[in-house]
C-alpha atoms as a PDB file:
ATOM      1  CA  MET A   1      16.711 -14.010  -0.377  1.00  0.00           C
ATOM      2  CA  ASP A   2      15.275 -12.650   2.865  1.00  0.00           C
ATOM      3  CA  GLY A   3      18.508 -10.906   3.881  1.00  0.00           C
ATOM      4  CA  PRO A   4      19.702  -7.490   2.822  1.00  0.00           C
ATOM      5  CA  ASP A   5      20.208  -7.058  -0.882  1.00  0.00           C
ATOM      6  CA  THR A   6      23.346  -5.312  -2.118  1.00  0.00           C
ATOM      7  CA  ARG A   7      22.007  -4.293  -5.535  1.00  0.00           C
ATOM      8  CA  THR A   8      22.190  -0.661  -6.497  1.00  0.00           C
ATOM      9  CA  ALA A   9      19.353   1.253  -8.144  1.00  0.00           C
ATOM     10  CA  SER A  10      21.107   0.931 -11.491  1.00  0.00           C
ATOM     11  CA  ASP A  11      21.444  -2.842 -10.972  1.00  0.00           C
ATOM     12  CA  VAL A  12      17.704  -3.098 -10.307  1.00  0.00           C
ATOM     13  CA  THR A  13      16.933  -0.923 -13.342  1.00  0.00           C
ATOM     14  CA  ALA A  14      19.078  -3.145 -15.567  1.00  0.00           C
ATOM     15  CA  LEU A  15      17.472  -6.262 -14.079  1.00  0.00           C
ATOM     16  CA  VAL A  16      13.942  -4.952 -14.730  1.00  0.00           C
ATOM     17  CA  ARG A  17      14.806  -3.928 -18.290  1.00  0.00           C
ATOM     18  CA  ALA A  18      16.336  -7.358 -19.012  1.00  0.00           C
ATOM     19  CA  ALA A  19      13.271  -9.107 -17.547  1.00  0.00           C
ATOM     20  CA  GLN A  20      11.004  -6.921 -19.665  1.00  0.00           C
ATOM     21  CA  ARG A  21      12.940  -8.053 -22.744  1.00  0.00           C
ATOM     22  CA  GLY A  22      12.246 -11.682 -21.817  1.00  0.00           C
ATOM     23  CA  ASP A  23      15.579 -12.657 -20.232  1.00  0.00           C
ATOM     24  CA  GLN A  24      14.530 -15.648 -18.095  1.00  0.00           C
ATOM     25  CA  LEU A  25      17.552 -15.382 -15.804  1.00  0.00           C
ATOM     26  CA  ALA A  26      16.644 -11.755 -15.089  1.00  0.00           C
ATOM     27  CA  VAL A  27      13.016 -12.759 -14.458  1.00  0.00           C
ATOM     28  CA  SER A  28      14.229 -15.361 -11.969  1.00  0.00           C
ATOM     29  CA  GLU A  29      16.511 -12.867 -10.204  1.00  0.00           C
ATOM     30  CA  LEU A  30      13.728 -10.280 -10.097  1.00  0.00           C
ATOM     31  CA  LEU A  31      11.370 -12.847  -8.607  1.00  0.00           C
ATOM     32  CA  GLU A  32      13.970 -13.626  -5.959  1.00  0.00           C
ATOM     33  CA  LEU A  33      14.352  -9.902  -5.245  1.00  0.00           C
ATOM     34  CA  VAL A  34      10.673  -8.963  -4.834  1.00  0.00           C
ATOM     35  CA  THR A  35       9.223 -12.119  -3.270  1.00  0.00           C
ATOM     36  CA  PRO A  36      10.210 -11.345   0.356  1.00  0.00           C
ATOM     37  CA  TYR A  37       8.771  -7.842   0.003  1.00  0.00           C
ATOM     38  CA  VAL A  38       5.495  -9.103  -1.462  1.00  0.00           C
ATOM     39  CA  ARG A  39       5.280 -11.764   1.254  1.00  0.00           C
ATOM     40  CA  ARG A  40       5.783  -9.095   3.934  1.00  0.00           C
ATOM     41  CA  LEU A  41       2.925  -7.016   2.493  1.00  0.00           C
ATOM     42  CA  CYS A  42       0.450  -9.821   1.771  1.00  0.00           C
ATOM     43  CA  GLY A  43       0.919 -11.762   5.009  1.00  0.00           C
ATOM     44  CA  PRO A  44      -0.655  -9.273   7.431  1.00  0.00           C
ATOM     45  CA  ILE A  45      -3.520  -8.542   5.034  1.00  0.00           C
ATOM     46  CA  ALA A  46      -4.396 -12.075   3.955  1.00  0.00           C
ATOM     47  CA  LEU A  47      -3.330 -13.786   7.224  1.00  0.00           C
ATOM     48  CA  ASP A  48      -3.628 -17.584   6.806  1.00  0.00           C
ATOM     49  CA  ASP A  49      -4.053 -17.050   3.079  1.00  0.00           C
ATOM     50  CA  GLY A  50      -0.863 -14.991   2.911  1.00  0.00           C
ATOM     51  CA  PRO A  51       1.039 -17.540   0.792  1.00  0.00           C
ATOM     52  CA  ASP A  52      -1.807 -17.740  -1.727  1.00  0.00           C
ATOM     53  CA  ALA A  53      -2.184 -13.959  -1.849  1.00  0.00           C
ATOM     54  CA  THR A  54       1.582 -13.634  -2.278  1.00  0.00           C
ATOM     55  CA  GLN A  55       1.506 -16.048  -5.191  1.00  0.00           C
ATOM     56  CA  GLU A  56      -1.367 -14.202  -6.848  1.00  0.00           C
ATOM     57  CA  ALA A  57       0.375 -10.873  -6.339  1.00  0.00           C
ATOM     58  CA  LEU A  58       3.614 -12.168  -7.849  1.00  0.00           C
ATOM     59  CA  ILE A  59       1.734 -13.528 -10.852  1.00  0.00           C
ATOM     60  CA  ALA A  60       0.094 -10.125 -11.332  1.00  0.00           C
ATOM     61  CA  VAL A  61       3.452  -8.349 -10.995  1.00  0.00           C
ATOM     62  CA  PHE A  62       5.093 -10.470 -13.652  1.00  0.00           C
ATOM     63  CA  ARG A  63       2.103 -10.353 -15.992  1.00  0.00           C
ATOM     64  CA  LYS A  64       2.184  -6.557 -15.835  1.00  0.00           C
ATOM     65  CA  LEU A  65       5.969  -6.166 -15.812  1.00  0.00           C
ATOM     66  CA  GLY A  66       5.953  -4.817 -19.367  1.00  0.00           C
ATOM     67  CA  GLN A  67       3.764  -1.939 -18.174  1.00  0.00           C
ATOM     68  CA  LEU A  68       6.341  -0.684 -15.656  1.00  0.00           C
ATOM     69  CA  GLN A  69       7.812   2.373 -17.327  1.00  0.00           C
ATOM     70  CA  ASP A  70      10.159   3.528 -14.576  1.00  0.00           C
ATOM     71  CA  PRO A  71      12.226   0.643 -13.171  1.00  0.00           C
ATOM     72  CA  ALA A  72      13.376   2.911 -10.341  1.00  0.00           C
ATOM     73  CA  ALA A  73       9.774   2.833  -9.084  1.00  0.00           C
ATOM     74  CA  LEU A  74       9.781  -0.978  -8.909  1.00  0.00           C
ATOM     75  CA  PHE A  75       9.066  -1.394  -5.207  1.00  0.00           C
ATOM     76  CA  GLY A  76       6.304   1.225  -5.075  1.00  0.00           C
ATOM     77  CA  TRP A  77       4.716  -0.341  -8.140  1.00  0.00           C
ATOM     78  CA  VAL A  78       5.015  -3.825  -6.625  1.00  0.00           C
ATOM     79  CA  ARG A  79       3.560  -2.576  -3.323  1.00  0.00           C
ATOM     80  CA  SER A  80       0.510  -1.220  -5.131  1.00  0.00           C
ATOM     81  CA  ILE A  81      -0.134  -4.519  -6.890  1.00  0.00           C
ATOM     82  CA  ALA A  82       0.579  -6.662  -3.816  1.00  0.00           C
ATOM     83  CA  VAL A  83      -1.806  -4.788  -1.527  1.00  0.00           C
ATOM     84  CA  ARG A  84      -4.563  -4.765  -4.127  1.00  0.00           C
ATOM     85  CA  GLU A  85      -4.151  -8.485  -4.833  1.00  0.00           C
ATOM     86  CA  ALA A  86      -4.080  -9.384  -1.132  1.00  0.00           C
ATOM     87  CA  VAL A  87      -7.349  -7.533  -0.512  1.00  0.00           C
ATOM     88  CA  ARG A  88      -8.915  -9.110  -3.620  1.00  0.00           C
ATOM     89  CA  HIS A  89      -7.807 -12.558  -2.551  1.00  0.00           C
ATOM     90  CA  VAL A  90      -9.273 -12.202   0.927  1.00  0.00           C
ATOM     91  CA  ARG A  91     -12.552 -10.958  -0.485  1.00  0.00           C
ATOM     92  CA  ARG A  92     -12.638 -13.804  -2.967  1.00  0.00           C
ATOM     93  CA  VAL A  93     -12.182 -16.516  -0.357  1.00  0.00           C
ATOM     94  CA  ALA A  94     -14.694 -14.812   1.928  1.00  0.00           C
ATOM     95  CA  ARG A  95     -12.419 -14.689   4.956  1.00  0.00           C
ATOM     96  CA  CYS A  96     -14.015 -11.495   6.193  1.00  0.00           C
ATOM     97  CA  VAL A  97     -15.538 -12.725   9.457  1.00  0.00           C
ATOM     98  CA  PRO A  98     -17.453 -10.337  11.724  1.00  0.00           C
ATOM     99  CA  ALA A  99     -15.563  -9.554  14.889  1.00  0.00           C
ATOM    100  CA  ASP A 100     -16.335 -11.842  17.812  1.00  0.00           C
ATOM    101  CA  LEU A 101     -14.113 -10.303  20.404  1.00  0.00           C
ATOM    102  CA  SER A 102     -15.288 -12.516  23.270  1.00  0.00           C
ATOM    103  CA  GLU A 103     -12.683 -15.223  22.625  1.00  0.00           C
ATOM    104  CA  LEU A 104      -9.596 -13.045  23.040  1.00  0.00           C
ATOM    105  CA  PRO A 105      -7.235 -13.857  25.923  1.00  0.00           C
ATOM    106  CA  ARG A 106      -6.653 -11.480  28.808  1.00  0.00           C
ATOM    107  CA  PRO A 107      -3.473  -9.414  29.119  1.00  0.00           C
ATOM    108  CA  GLY A 108      -0.701 -11.537  30.605  1.00  0.00           C
ATOM    109  CA  ASP A 109      -1.835 -14.675  28.778  1.00  0.00           C
ATOM    110  CA  PRO A 110       1.268 -16.574  27.573  1.00  0.00           C
ATOM    111  CA  GLN A 111      -0.054 -16.721  24.022  1.00  0.00           C
ATOM    112  CA  LEU A 112      -0.596 -12.997  23.771  1.00  0.00           C
ATOM    113  CA  ALA A 113       2.054 -12.486  21.088  1.00  0.00           C
ATOM    114  CA  ALA A 114       0.355 -15.022  18.845  1.00  0.00           C
ATOM    115  CA  ASP A 115      -2.937 -13.237  19.360  1.00  0.00           C
ATOM    116  CA  ILE A 116      -1.924 -10.253  17.241  1.00  0.00           C
ATOM    117  CA  GLU A 117      -2.747 -12.369  14.202  1.00  0.00           C
ATOM    118  CA  ASP A 118      -6.063 -13.319  15.776  1.00  0.00           C
ATOM    119  CA  VAL A 119      -6.919  -9.670  16.365  1.00  0.00           C
ATOM    120  CA  LEU A 120      -5.963  -8.803  12.781  1.00  0.00           C
ATOM    121  CA  ALA A 121      -8.115 -11.659  11.501  1.00  0.00           C
ATOM    122  CA  ARG A 122     -11.120 -10.005  13.072  1.00  0.00           C
ATOM    123  CA  LEU A 123     -10.646  -6.881  10.974  1.00  0.00           C
ATOM    124  CA  SER A 124     -11.880  -6.556   7.419  1.00  0.00           C
ATOM    125  CA  PRO A 125      -9.258  -6.886   4.654  1.00  0.00           C
ATOM    126  CA  GLU A 126      -9.723  -3.180   3.882  1.00  0.00           C
ATOM    127  CA  HIS A 127      -8.895  -2.265   7.484  1.00  0.00           C
ATOM    128  CA  ARG A 128      -5.898  -4.616   7.541  1.00  0.00           C
ATOM    129  CA  ALA A 129      -4.640  -3.085   4.282  1.00  0.00           C
ATOM    130  CA  VAL A 130      -4.865   0.444   5.709  1.00  0.00           C
ATOM    131  CA  LEU A 131      -3.055  -0.624   8.893  1.00  0.00           C
ATOM    132  CA  VAL A 132      -0.275  -2.302   6.902  1.00  0.00           C
ATOM    133  CA  LEU A 133       0.225   0.639   4.563  1.00  0.00           C
ATOM    134  CA  ARG A 134       0.058   3.362   7.225  1.00  0.00           C
ATOM    135  CA  ASP A 135       1.586   1.699  10.287  1.00  0.00           C
ATOM    136  CA  LEU A 136       3.991  -0.853   8.812  1.00  0.00           C
ATOM    137  CA  GLU A 137       4.932   0.754   5.498  1.00  0.00           C
ATOM    138  CA  GLY A 138       4.709   4.321   6.835  1.00  0.00           C
ATOM    139  CA  LEU A 139       2.804   5.733   3.861  1.00  0.00           C
ATOM    140  CA  ASP A 140       0.895   8.980   4.206  1.00  0.00           C
ATOM    141  CA  GLU A 141      -2.877   9.240   3.703  1.00  0.00           C
ATOM    142  CA  ARG A 142      -2.638  10.410   0.097  1.00  0.00           C
ATOM    143  CA  SER A 143      -0.311   7.592  -0.957  1.00  0.00           C
ATOM    144  CA  THR A 144      -2.433   5.036   0.867  1.00  0.00           C
ATOM    145  CA  ALA A 145      -5.578   6.402  -0.768  1.00  0.00           C
ATOM    146  CA  ASP A 146      -3.958   6.243  -4.201  1.00  0.00           C
ATOM    147  CA  LEU A 147      -2.814   2.653  -3.691  1.00  0.00           C
ATOM    148  CA  LEU A 148      -6.218   1.508  -2.487  1.00  0.00           C
ATOM    149  CA  GLY A 149      -8.164   3.558  -5.019  1.00  0.00           C
ATOM    150  CA  VAL A 150     -10.224   5.393  -2.393  1.00  0.00           C
ATOM    151  CA  ALA A 151     -10.523   8.956  -1.139  1.00  0.00           C
ATOM    152  CA  ALA A 152      -8.144  10.240   1.540  1.00  0.00           C
ATOM    153  CA  GLY A 153     -11.130  10.712   3.853  1.00  0.00           C
ATOM    154  CA  THR A 154     -11.959   7.041   3.441  1.00  0.00           C
ATOM    155  CA  VAL A 155      -8.419   6.152   4.462  1.00  0.00           C
ATOM    156  CA  LYS A 156      -8.734   8.347   7.556  1.00  0.00           C
ATOM    157  CA  SER A 157     -12.019   6.794   8.610  1.00  0.00           C
ATOM    158  CA  ARG A 158     -10.880   3.220   7.886  1.00  0.00           C
ATOM    159  CA  LEU A 159      -7.670   3.782   9.792  1.00  0.00           C
ATOM    160  CA  SER A 160      -9.515   5.268  12.728  1.00  0.00           C
ATOM    161  CA  ARG A 161     -11.999   2.378  12.822  1.00  0.00           C
ATOM    162  CA  ALA A 162      -9.281  -0.219  12.323  1.00  0.00           C
ATOM    163  CA  ARG A 163      -7.141   1.173  15.150  1.00  0.00           C
ATOM    164  CA  LEU A 164     -10.152   1.457  17.454  1.00  0.00           C
ATOM    165  CA  SER A 165     -11.254  -2.115  16.690  1.00  0.00           C
ATOM    166  CA  PHE A 166      -7.720  -3.377  17.152  1.00  0.00           C
ATOM    167  CA  ARG A 167      -7.359  -1.596  20.521  1.00  0.00           C
ATOM    168  CA  ARG A 168     -10.711  -2.855  21.760  1.00  0.00           C
ATOM    169  CA  ALA A 169      -9.964  -6.420  20.746  1.00  0.00           C
ATOM    170  CA  TRP A 170      -6.488  -6.229  22.177  1.00  0.00           C
ATOM    171  CA  GLN A 171      -7.632  -4.910  25.551  1.00  0.00           C
ATOM    172  CA  GLN A 172     -10.239  -7.574  26.138  1.00  0.00           C
END
């Protein structure tokens, strides 16, 4: 279900409540509803391990579903879990490779579009998470800090370093 969803907030609330009560059809529908969103969050953070990080995030979401008190906050709650799980997954599989920016293609190279992923891969998972939350999700510093469990100043410095590293790698 990657297309637009026509469910209203009250439909989502009812779906979450039914899933929390153990309704397997509701659990299945909820999984169908949140999977594209989780995939969109985990992919840029976990890169090649995006599918695995997505799976781990979805497992965590459904294990903790009973803890969600406000079904209207579903997507913010899911975002928090997905980002945390994606960063944990990347750390666990030790994909954090120091930047070797010498192999990047020059501007005008026909594969430049594909190289965005390569540039992201050279950033730490923490820097990728900050970029995703701030630049793709549009969260402010405080919300990003809360989701990542760090101080707002840490978000500012990580974002600054991540953007600088990305620009440097991109321009080479």
